N, C-alpha and C. Protein backbone atom coordinates (compact mmCIF):
# COMPACT_ATOMS: atom_id res chain seq x y z
N MET A 1 41.06 -24.64 37.67
CA MET A 1 40.66 -25.32 36.49
C MET A 1 39.82 -26.36 36.65
N VAL A 2 39.61 -27.14 37.79
CA VAL A 2 38.88 -28.13 38.43
C VAL A 2 37.66 -27.99 37.99
N ARG A 3 37.23 -26.84 38.94
CA ARG A 3 36.00 -26.30 38.53
C ARG A 3 35.35 -25.88 37.03
N SER A 4 36.24 -25.17 36.37
CA SER A 4 35.78 -25.11 35.09
C SER A 4 35.48 -26.65 34.49
N ARG A 5 35.99 -27.67 34.61
CA ARG A 5 35.72 -28.74 34.22
C ARG A 5 34.47 -29.59 34.41
N SER A 6 34.41 -29.39 35.58
CA SER A 6 33.32 -30.19 36.59
C SER A 6 32.32 -29.21 35.63
N PHE A 7 32.10 -27.91 35.03
CA PHE A 7 30.82 -26.99 35.31
C PHE A 7 30.95 -27.61 33.44
N TYR A 8 32.25 -27.95 33.25
CA TYR A 8 31.86 -28.36 31.58
C TYR A 8 30.93 -29.41 31.30
N TYR A 9 31.66 -30.32 32.11
CA TYR A 9 30.82 -31.81 32.48
C TYR A 9 29.16 -31.91 32.63
N LEU A 10 28.95 -30.59 33.85
CA LEU A 10 27.27 -30.97 34.11
C LEU A 10 26.82 -30.10 32.72
N LEU A 11 27.15 -29.32 32.31
CA LEU A 11 26.22 -28.71 30.54
C LEU A 11 26.28 -29.66 29.78
N LEU A 12 27.73 -30.65 29.42
CA LEU A 12 27.18 -31.66 28.80
C LEU A 12 26.24 -32.85 28.98
N ILE A 13 26.20 -32.79 30.07
CA ILE A 13 25.43 -33.81 30.70
C ILE A 13 24.11 -33.45 30.24
N GLY A 14 23.73 -32.50 31.18
CA GLY A 14 22.28 -31.74 30.48
C GLY A 14 21.88 -31.19 29.72
N LEU A 15 22.93 -30.96 28.21
CA LEU A 15 22.13 -30.58 26.67
C LEU A 15 21.93 -32.28 26.49
N LEU A 16 22.69 -33.65 26.62
CA LEU A 16 22.50 -34.86 26.01
C LEU A 16 21.45 -34.95 27.09
N ALA A 17 20.97 -34.72 28.08
CA ALA A 17 19.58 -35.30 28.69
C ALA A 17 18.32 -35.07 27.98
N ALA A 18 18.70 -33.08 27.95
CA ALA A 18 17.51 -32.24 27.35
C ALA A 18 17.40 -32.77 25.65
N ALA A 19 18.12 -33.27 24.96
CA ALA A 19 18.11 -34.10 23.48
C ALA A 19 17.37 -35.50 23.22
N THR A 20 17.38 -36.27 24.98
CA THR A 20 16.58 -37.49 24.88
C THR A 20 15.21 -37.25 25.25
N VAL A 21 15.29 -36.17 25.70
CA VAL A 21 13.48 -35.96 26.47
C VAL A 21 13.10 -35.86 24.74
N GLU A 22 12.13 -36.58 24.38
CA GLU A 22 10.44 -35.76 23.48
C GLU A 22 9.34 -35.81 23.78
N ALA A 23 9.39 -34.96 22.88
CA ALA A 23 7.49 -34.08 23.51
C ALA A 23 6.54 -35.34 23.19
N GLN A 24 5.64 -35.49 23.61
CA GLN A 24 4.91 -36.03 23.31
C GLN A 24 3.28 -35.62 22.85
N ILE A 25 3.24 -36.18 21.56
CA ILE A 25 1.91 -35.19 21.11
C ILE A 25 0.36 -35.95 21.53
N TYR A 26 -0.45 -35.86 22.22
CA TYR A 26 -1.70 -36.52 22.71
C TYR A 26 -3.26 -35.81 21.74
N GLN A 27 -3.61 -36.80 21.52
CA GLN A 27 -4.80 -36.63 21.14
C GLN A 27 -6.51 -37.38 21.27
N TRP A 28 -7.13 -36.04 21.10
CA TRP A 28 -8.66 -36.28 22.56
C TRP A 28 -9.73 -36.16 21.83
N THR A 29 -10.76 -36.62 22.35
CA THR A 29 -12.09 -36.16 21.84
C THR A 29 -12.80 -35.50 23.31
N ASP A 30 -13.34 -34.15 22.79
CA ASP A 30 -14.02 -33.58 23.79
C ASP A 30 -15.44 -34.36 24.09
N GLU A 31 -16.66 -33.77 25.16
CA GLU A 31 -18.41 -34.13 24.90
C GLU A 31 -18.99 -33.90 23.67
N ASN A 32 -17.93 -32.42 22.77
CA ASN A 32 -18.76 -32.26 22.15
C ASN A 32 -18.15 -32.28 20.78
N GLY A 33 -17.94 -34.03 20.69
CA GLY A 33 -16.89 -34.37 19.42
C GLY A 33 -15.86 -33.84 19.15
N GLN A 34 -15.40 -32.56 19.86
CA GLN A 34 -14.11 -31.74 18.53
C GLN A 34 -13.17 -32.54 19.16
N VAL A 35 -12.38 -32.89 18.58
CA VAL A 35 -11.06 -33.66 18.39
C VAL A 35 -9.57 -32.50 18.65
N HIS A 36 -9.24 -32.82 19.87
CA HIS A 36 -7.96 -31.78 20.44
C HIS A 36 -6.59 -32.61 20.15
N PHE A 37 -5.72 -31.55 19.75
CA PHE A 37 -4.80 -32.34 20.23
C PHE A 37 -3.57 -31.24 21.10
N GLY A 38 -2.27 -32.35 21.83
CA GLY A 38 -1.83 -30.78 22.67
C GLY A 38 -0.62 -32.11 22.76
N ASP A 39 0.15 -31.03 23.80
CA ASP A 39 1.46 -31.74 23.91
C ASP A 39 0.57 -32.67 26.17
N LYS A 40 0.15 -31.96 26.53
CA LYS A 40 -0.56 -33.12 27.46
C LYS A 40 -2.33 -32.53 27.43
N PRO A 41 -3.47 -33.66 28.23
CA PRO A 41 -4.65 -33.46 27.50
C PRO A 41 -5.23 -32.15 28.85
N LYS A 42 -6.81 -31.55 28.86
CA LYS A 42 -6.70 -30.23 29.74
C LYS A 42 -7.02 -31.05 30.56
N ASP A 43 -7.54 -32.05 31.37
CA ASP A 43 -7.98 -32.73 32.49
C ASP A 43 -7.62 -33.94 32.34
N GLN A 44 -7.91 -34.49 33.94
CA GLN A 44 -7.66 -35.72 34.17
C GLN A 44 -8.42 -36.80 33.60
N GLU A 45 -9.71 -36.42 33.15
CA GLU A 45 -11.02 -37.69 32.57
C GLU A 45 -10.63 -37.47 31.29
N GLN A 46 -9.64 -36.41 30.64
CA GLN A 46 -9.22 -36.37 29.22
C GLN A 46 -8.07 -37.35 28.87
N ALA A 47 -7.46 -36.76 30.01
CA ALA A 47 -6.17 -37.95 29.78
C ALA A 47 -6.05 -39.31 29.95
N GLU A 48 -7.32 -39.94 30.48
CA GLU A 48 -7.45 -41.34 30.42
C GLU A 48 -7.56 -41.67 29.17
N LYS A 49 -8.49 -40.70 28.36
CA LYS A 49 -8.96 -41.23 26.93
C LYS A 49 -8.31 -40.85 26.24
N ALA A 50 -7.07 -39.78 26.68
CA ALA A 50 -5.97 -39.63 25.60
C ALA A 50 -4.87 -40.84 24.81
N LYS A 51 -4.94 -40.63 23.62
CA LYS A 51 -4.07 -41.51 23.01
C LYS A 51 -2.74 -40.41 22.72
N PRO A 52 -1.25 -41.99 22.61
CA PRO A 52 -0.60 -40.73 21.85
C PRO A 52 -0.72 -40.62 20.51
N VAL A 53 0.16 -40.16 19.31
CA VAL A 53 0.03 -39.29 18.49
C VAL A 53 1.07 -39.70 17.51
N ASP A 54 1.61 -40.18 16.71
CA ASP A 54 2.68 -40.65 16.15
C ASP A 54 2.63 -39.30 14.92
N VAL A 55 3.93 -38.21 15.63
CA VAL A 55 4.14 -37.19 14.59
C VAL A 55 5.17 -37.92 13.81
N GLN A 56 5.01 -37.57 12.43
CA GLN A 56 6.36 -37.73 11.68
C GLN A 56 7.08 -36.36 11.14
N GLU A 57 8.18 -36.56 11.18
CA GLU A 57 9.31 -35.39 11.31
C GLU A 57 8.38 -34.66 9.88
N ASN A 58 9.37 -35.49 9.09
CA ASN A 58 9.14 -34.91 7.73
C ASN A 58 8.27 -35.32 6.97
N TYR A 59 7.01 -34.59 7.07
CA TYR A 59 5.81 -34.55 6.30
C TYR A 59 6.07 -33.77 5.07
N ARG A 60 5.63 -34.23 4.18
CA ARG A 60 5.52 -33.49 2.71
C ARG A 60 4.08 -34.35 2.44
N PRO A 61 3.21 -32.86 1.54
CA PRO A 61 2.34 -33.17 1.23
C PRO A 61 2.23 -34.08 -0.08
N SER A 62 0.93 -35.02 0.14
CA SER A 62 0.90 -36.03 -1.19
C SER A 62 1.02 -35.04 -2.57
N GLU A 63 1.25 -35.99 -4.07
CA GLU A 63 1.14 -34.60 -5.19
C GLU A 63 -0.36 -34.47 -4.89
N LEU A 64 -0.12 -33.17 -5.98
CA LEU A 64 -1.21 -32.46 -6.14
C LEU A 64 -2.17 -33.72 -7.75
N THR A 65 -3.52 -32.91 -7.43
CA THR A 65 -4.57 -33.75 -8.46
C THR A 65 -4.19 -32.75 -9.50
N GLU A 66 -5.08 -33.64 -10.36
CA GLU A 66 -4.75 -32.79 -12.21
C GLU A 66 -5.80 -31.61 -11.93
N LYS A 67 -6.77 -31.94 -11.36
CA LYS A 67 -8.14 -31.05 -10.93
C LYS A 67 -7.52 -29.25 -10.08
N GLU A 68 -6.74 -30.39 -8.91
CA GLU A 68 -5.76 -29.42 -7.89
C GLU A 68 -5.00 -28.77 -8.76
N ARG A 69 -4.09 -28.94 -9.68
CA ARG A 69 -3.35 -28.47 -10.55
C ARG A 69 -3.66 -27.14 -11.13
N GLN A 70 -4.91 -27.79 -11.65
CA GLN A 70 -5.61 -26.56 -12.52
C GLN A 70 -6.50 -25.63 -11.81
N ALA A 71 -6.45 -26.21 -10.48
CA ALA A 71 -7.18 -24.94 -9.46
C ALA A 71 -5.80 -24.07 -9.18
N GLN A 72 -5.02 -24.31 -8.96
CA GLN A 72 -3.93 -23.17 -8.53
C GLN A 72 -3.59 -22.82 -10.10
N GLN A 73 -3.68 -23.30 -11.07
CA GLN A 73 -2.84 -22.10 -12.40
C GLN A 73 -4.26 -21.50 -12.68
N GLN A 74 -5.28 -21.59 -11.90
CA GLN A 74 -6.53 -20.95 -12.50
C GLN A 74 -6.47 -19.10 -11.13
N GLN A 75 -5.82 -20.05 -9.79
CA GLN A 75 -5.99 -18.35 -8.91
C GLN A 75 -4.45 -18.07 -9.42
N ARG A 76 -3.92 -18.22 -9.87
CA ARG A 76 -2.48 -17.71 -10.38
C ARG A 76 -2.86 -16.81 -11.87
N GLU A 77 -3.86 -17.58 -12.46
CA GLU A 77 -3.89 -16.73 -13.97
C GLU A 77 -4.64 -15.34 -13.45
N TYR A 78 -5.53 -16.06 -12.47
CA TYR A 78 -6.42 -14.63 -11.74
C TYR A 78 -5.94 -13.64 -11.03
N ALA A 79 -4.67 -13.96 -10.21
CA ALA A 79 -3.86 -12.85 -9.60
C ALA A 79 -3.07 -12.15 -10.41
N GLU A 80 -2.61 -12.40 -11.62
CA GLU A 80 -1.83 -12.31 -12.86
C GLU A 80 -2.75 -11.16 -13.21
N GLN A 81 -4.31 -11.54 -14.24
CA GLN A 81 -4.93 -10.00 -13.97
C GLN A 81 -5.28 -9.61 -13.08
N LEU A 82 -5.50 -9.30 -12.11
CA LEU A 82 -5.56 -8.30 -11.28
C LEU A 82 -4.78 -7.46 -11.49
N ARG A 83 -3.37 -8.23 -10.90
CA ARG A 83 -2.00 -7.01 -11.01
C ARG A 83 -2.15 -6.52 -12.19
N GLN A 84 -2.59 -6.86 -12.98
CA GLN A 84 -2.61 -6.11 -14.78
C GLN A 84 -3.46 -5.25 -14.13
N ALA A 85 -4.43 -5.82 -13.92
CA ALA A 85 -5.90 -4.24 -13.97
C ALA A 85 -5.10 -3.36 -13.53
N ARG A 86 -4.55 -3.02 -11.90
CA ARG A 86 -4.34 -2.58 -10.90
C ARG A 86 -3.23 -2.02 -11.69
N GLN A 87 -2.41 -2.20 -12.37
CA GLN A 87 -1.04 -1.66 -12.97
C GLN A 87 -1.81 -0.99 -14.46
N HIS A 88 -2.98 -1.49 -14.96
CA HIS A 88 -3.49 -0.49 -15.94
C HIS A 88 -4.43 0.59 -15.54
N LYS A 89 -5.00 0.50 -14.37
CA LYS A 89 -5.46 1.53 -13.64
C LYS A 89 -4.46 2.74 -12.83
N ALA A 90 -3.69 2.40 -12.68
CA ALA A 90 -2.67 3.01 -12.07
C ALA A 90 -2.04 4.13 -13.06
N THR A 91 -1.73 3.22 -14.56
CA THR A 91 -1.19 4.06 -15.70
C THR A 91 -2.36 5.07 -16.38
N GLN A 92 -3.46 4.75 -16.25
CA GLN A 92 -4.70 5.64 -16.48
C GLN A 92 -4.33 6.68 -15.59
N ARG A 93 -4.64 6.54 -14.21
CA ARG A 93 -4.39 7.16 -13.36
C ARG A 93 -3.38 8.91 -13.24
N SER A 94 -2.33 8.25 -13.43
CA SER A 94 -0.85 8.95 -13.73
C SER A 94 -1.11 9.60 -14.70
N GLN A 95 -1.77 9.35 -16.03
CA GLN A 95 -1.98 9.73 -17.15
C GLN A 95 -2.67 10.97 -17.14
N GLN A 96 -4.01 10.95 -16.42
CA GLN A 96 -4.54 11.75 -16.33
C GLN A 96 -4.43 12.63 -15.42
N GLN A 97 -3.89 12.70 -14.57
CA GLN A 97 -3.36 13.54 -13.86
C GLN A 97 -2.12 14.69 -14.64
N ALA A 98 -1.53 13.88 -14.69
CA ALA A 98 -0.22 14.71 -16.01
C ALA A 98 -1.20 15.32 -16.88
N LYS A 99 -2.08 15.02 -17.32
CA LYS A 99 -2.99 15.95 -18.43
C LYS A 99 -4.22 17.12 -17.39
N GLN A 100 -4.69 16.65 -15.87
CA GLN A 100 -4.64 17.96 -15.70
C GLN A 100 -3.78 18.86 -15.43
N ALA A 101 -2.84 18.63 -14.92
CA ALA A 101 -1.50 19.38 -14.68
C ALA A 101 -1.04 20.26 -15.51
N GLU A 102 -1.17 19.69 -16.53
CA GLU A 102 -0.99 20.25 -18.35
C GLU A 102 -1.76 21.39 -18.14
N ALA A 103 -2.75 21.48 -17.75
CA ALA A 103 -4.44 22.20 -18.41
C ALA A 103 -4.28 23.11 -17.51
N ARG A 104 -4.19 22.49 -15.62
CA ARG A 104 -3.76 23.68 -15.33
C ARG A 104 -2.85 24.84 -15.59
N GLN A 105 -1.53 23.72 -15.48
CA GLN A 105 -0.58 25.08 -16.18
C GLN A 105 -0.79 26.28 -17.43
N GLU A 106 -1.54 25.33 -18.46
CA GLU A 106 -1.83 26.36 -19.51
C GLU A 106 -2.82 27.39 -18.75
N ARG A 107 -3.76 26.82 -18.19
CA ARG A 107 -4.35 28.04 -17.63
C ARG A 107 -3.77 29.29 -17.05
N CYS A 108 -3.01 28.63 -16.33
CA CYS A 108 -2.10 29.86 -15.06
C CYS A 108 -1.17 30.69 -16.15
N GLU A 109 -0.57 30.23 -17.40
CA GLU A 109 0.16 31.22 -18.17
C GLU A 109 -0.72 32.08 -18.84
N ALA A 110 -2.07 31.77 -18.83
CA ALA A 110 -3.06 32.40 -19.77
C ALA A 110 -3.62 33.71 -19.33
N LYS A 111 -3.98 33.46 -17.46
CA LYS A 111 -4.14 34.29 -16.57
C LYS A 111 -2.82 35.31 -16.36
N LYS A 112 -1.68 34.70 -16.31
CA LYS A 112 -0.86 35.51 -16.06
C LYS A 112 -0.74 36.44 -17.29
N ALA A 113 -0.48 36.15 -18.31
CA ALA A 113 -0.38 37.07 -19.36
C ALA A 113 -1.59 37.79 -19.60
N ARG A 114 -2.24 37.70 -19.32
CA ARG A 114 -3.84 38.57 -18.97
C ARG A 114 -3.19 39.82 -18.61
N LEU A 115 -3.06 39.18 -16.72
CA LEU A 115 -2.05 40.04 -15.91
C LEU A 115 -1.29 41.15 -16.12
N ALA A 116 -0.39 40.69 -17.09
CA ALA A 116 0.99 41.36 -17.26
C ALA A 116 0.02 42.31 -18.65
N ARG A 117 -0.60 41.95 -19.31
CA ARG A 117 -1.39 42.79 -20.64
C ARG A 117 -2.31 43.96 -19.59
N LEU A 118 -3.01 43.86 -18.99
CA LEU A 118 -3.59 44.73 -18.08
C LEU A 118 -2.73 45.43 -17.58
N THR A 119 -1.47 44.90 -16.81
CA THR A 119 -0.57 45.96 -15.59
C THR A 119 0.07 46.63 -16.32
N GLY A 120 0.30 46.46 -17.73
CA GLY A 120 1.67 46.82 -18.32
C GLY A 120 1.41 48.13 -19.39
N ILE A 121 2.85 48.58 -19.64
CA ILE A 121 2.85 49.69 -20.45
C ILE A 121 3.34 48.94 -21.72
N THR A 122 2.93 49.12 -23.37
CA THR A 122 3.92 48.89 -24.10
C THR A 122 4.12 49.70 -24.53
N GLN A 123 5.05 49.96 -25.98
CA GLN A 123 5.54 50.66 -26.78
C GLN A 123 5.43 49.97 -27.89
N LYS A 124 4.44 51.66 -28.70
CA LYS A 124 3.99 51.71 -30.33
C LYS A 124 4.07 52.61 -30.81
N ASN A 125 4.83 52.83 -32.06
CA ASN A 125 5.74 53.51 -32.69
C ASN A 125 6.01 54.99 -31.88
N GLY A 126 6.78 54.60 -30.79
CA GLY A 126 7.64 55.12 -29.73
C GLY A 126 6.85 55.98 -28.60
N ARG A 127 5.51 55.38 -28.62
CA ARG A 127 4.39 56.37 -27.78
C ARG A 127 4.37 55.18 -26.65
N GLN A 128 4.32 55.30 -25.60
CA GLN A 128 3.63 54.57 -24.31
C GLN A 128 2.16 54.38 -24.84
N ARG A 129 1.88 52.84 -24.56
CA ARG A 129 0.21 52.58 -24.74
C ARG A 129 -0.05 51.66 -23.29
N TYR A 130 -1.29 52.71 -22.72
CA TYR A 130 -1.42 51.65 -21.51
C TYR A 130 -2.85 50.47 -22.00
N TYR A 131 -3.02 49.25 -21.74
CA TYR A 131 -4.00 48.22 -22.33
C TYR A 131 -4.83 48.48 -21.36
N TYR A 132 -6.44 48.82 -21.82
CA TYR A 132 -7.26 48.93 -21.03
C TYR A 132 -8.33 47.69 -21.17
N SER A 133 -9.00 46.83 -20.18
CA SER A 133 -10.13 45.97 -19.98
C SER A 133 -10.90 46.44 -20.96
N ILE A 134 -11.66 45.44 -21.76
CA ILE A 134 -12.71 45.69 -22.37
C ILE A 134 -14.16 44.37 -21.75
N GLU A 135 -15.29 45.34 -21.41
CA GLU A 135 -16.30 43.96 -20.99
C GLU A 135 -17.34 44.34 -22.56
N ASP A 136 -17.93 43.34 -22.83
CA ASP A 136 -19.17 43.00 -23.57
C ASP A 136 -18.83 44.02 -24.98
N GLY A 137 -17.78 44.42 -24.98
CA GLY A 137 -17.46 45.34 -26.51
C GLY A 137 -17.14 46.51 -25.65
N LYS A 138 -17.16 47.48 -24.53
CA LYS A 138 -17.34 48.37 -24.01
C LYS A 138 -15.98 48.35 -23.02
N SER A 139 -14.66 49.56 -23.40
CA SER A 139 -13.96 49.68 -22.16
C SER A 139 -14.88 49.98 -20.81
N VAL A 140 -13.60 49.56 -19.71
CA VAL A 140 -13.84 49.46 -18.26
C VAL A 140 -13.06 50.69 -18.10
N SER A 141 -14.01 51.10 -16.99
CA SER A 141 -13.30 52.22 -15.86
C SER A 141 -11.58 52.04 -15.26
N SER A 142 -11.05 52.87 -14.88
CA SER A 142 -9.75 52.23 -14.01
C SER A 142 -9.98 51.64 -12.40
N ASN A 143 -11.27 51.93 -12.30
CA ASN A 143 -11.21 51.09 -11.21
C ASN A 143 -12.03 49.70 -11.46
N ARG A 144 -12.68 49.65 -12.40
CA ARG A 144 -13.57 47.78 -12.89
C ARG A 144 -11.94 47.57 -13.03
N GLN A 145 -10.73 48.00 -13.58
CA GLN A 145 -9.52 47.55 -14.27
C GLN A 145 -8.88 46.51 -12.91
N ARG A 146 -9.11 47.59 -12.10
CA ARG A 146 -8.32 47.12 -10.73
C ARG A 146 -8.73 45.93 -10.38
N GLU A 147 -10.19 46.56 -10.38
CA GLU A 147 -10.99 44.45 -9.41
C GLU A 147 -10.41 43.96 -10.46
N ILE A 148 -10.46 43.96 -11.82
CA ILE A 148 -10.43 42.64 -12.58
C ILE A 148 -8.91 41.73 -12.43
N ILE A 149 -7.73 43.10 -12.16
CA ILE A 149 -6.55 42.52 -11.92
C ILE A 149 -6.35 42.01 -10.38
N GLU A 150 -7.58 42.68 -9.74
CA GLU A 150 -7.33 41.77 -8.11
C GLU A 150 -7.80 40.72 -8.26
N GLN A 151 -8.87 40.48 -9.32
CA GLN A 151 -9.95 38.88 -9.10
C GLN A 151 -8.45 38.05 -10.05
N ILE A 152 -7.79 38.61 -10.87
CA ILE A 152 -6.52 37.51 -11.37
C ILE A 152 -5.76 36.93 -10.35
N LYS A 153 -5.55 37.99 -9.67
CA LYS A 153 -3.74 37.92 -8.95
C LYS A 153 -4.59 36.86 -8.20
N ARG A 154 -5.73 37.05 -7.68
CA ARG A 154 -6.48 35.96 -6.54
C ARG A 154 -6.55 34.75 -7.44
N GLU A 155 -7.02 35.01 -8.50
CA GLU A 155 -7.21 33.52 -9.06
C GLU A 155 -5.37 32.50 -9.24
N ILE A 156 -4.70 33.94 -9.54
CA ILE A 156 -3.64 33.08 -9.67
C ILE A 156 -2.93 32.29 -8.72
N ALA A 157 -3.15 32.97 -7.33
CA ALA A 157 -2.16 32.79 -6.01
C ALA A 157 -3.52 31.34 -5.50
N ARG A 158 -4.14 31.24 -6.00
CA ARG A 158 -5.61 30.30 -5.59
C ARG A 158 -4.42 29.19 -6.85
N GLU A 159 -4.88 28.91 -7.96
CA GLU A 159 -4.75 28.19 -8.83
C GLU A 159 -2.97 27.80 -8.77
N CYS A 160 -2.41 28.66 -8.95
CA CYS A 160 -1.08 28.27 -9.61
C CYS A 160 0.09 28.23 -8.66
């Protein structure tokens, strides 16, 4: 029990000592005329020239002038215009993508319908009829029709 009390007393003394120590800020000018601030000067020569700086704990910037307020307002307005322009551009891009997707879907449906006609058998008046492809107003051979079917299948696989 005695040991723990002494520990707490030492801890309390250490905390009080740390609270009373205050960091000092120094200001000095180097040989190039550059002003520096720090908790200690860089070297001994500068330490002799350095002077302590009074630091205000609760610094509050001064009130803005009318010109500064107007500049801030212009910056806000410009930022809002940029945001709206980006949003408008994104909306246009998404609409364009939707139109492209719709057009692609329509092309796919047309190709699938043509493929179904080329490969299907239809019934007309109780009779089976095959659809034969026509190029330049002439019907094509069955070999050419198979080539057309394979070409359409590749297009569907690639685009749809």
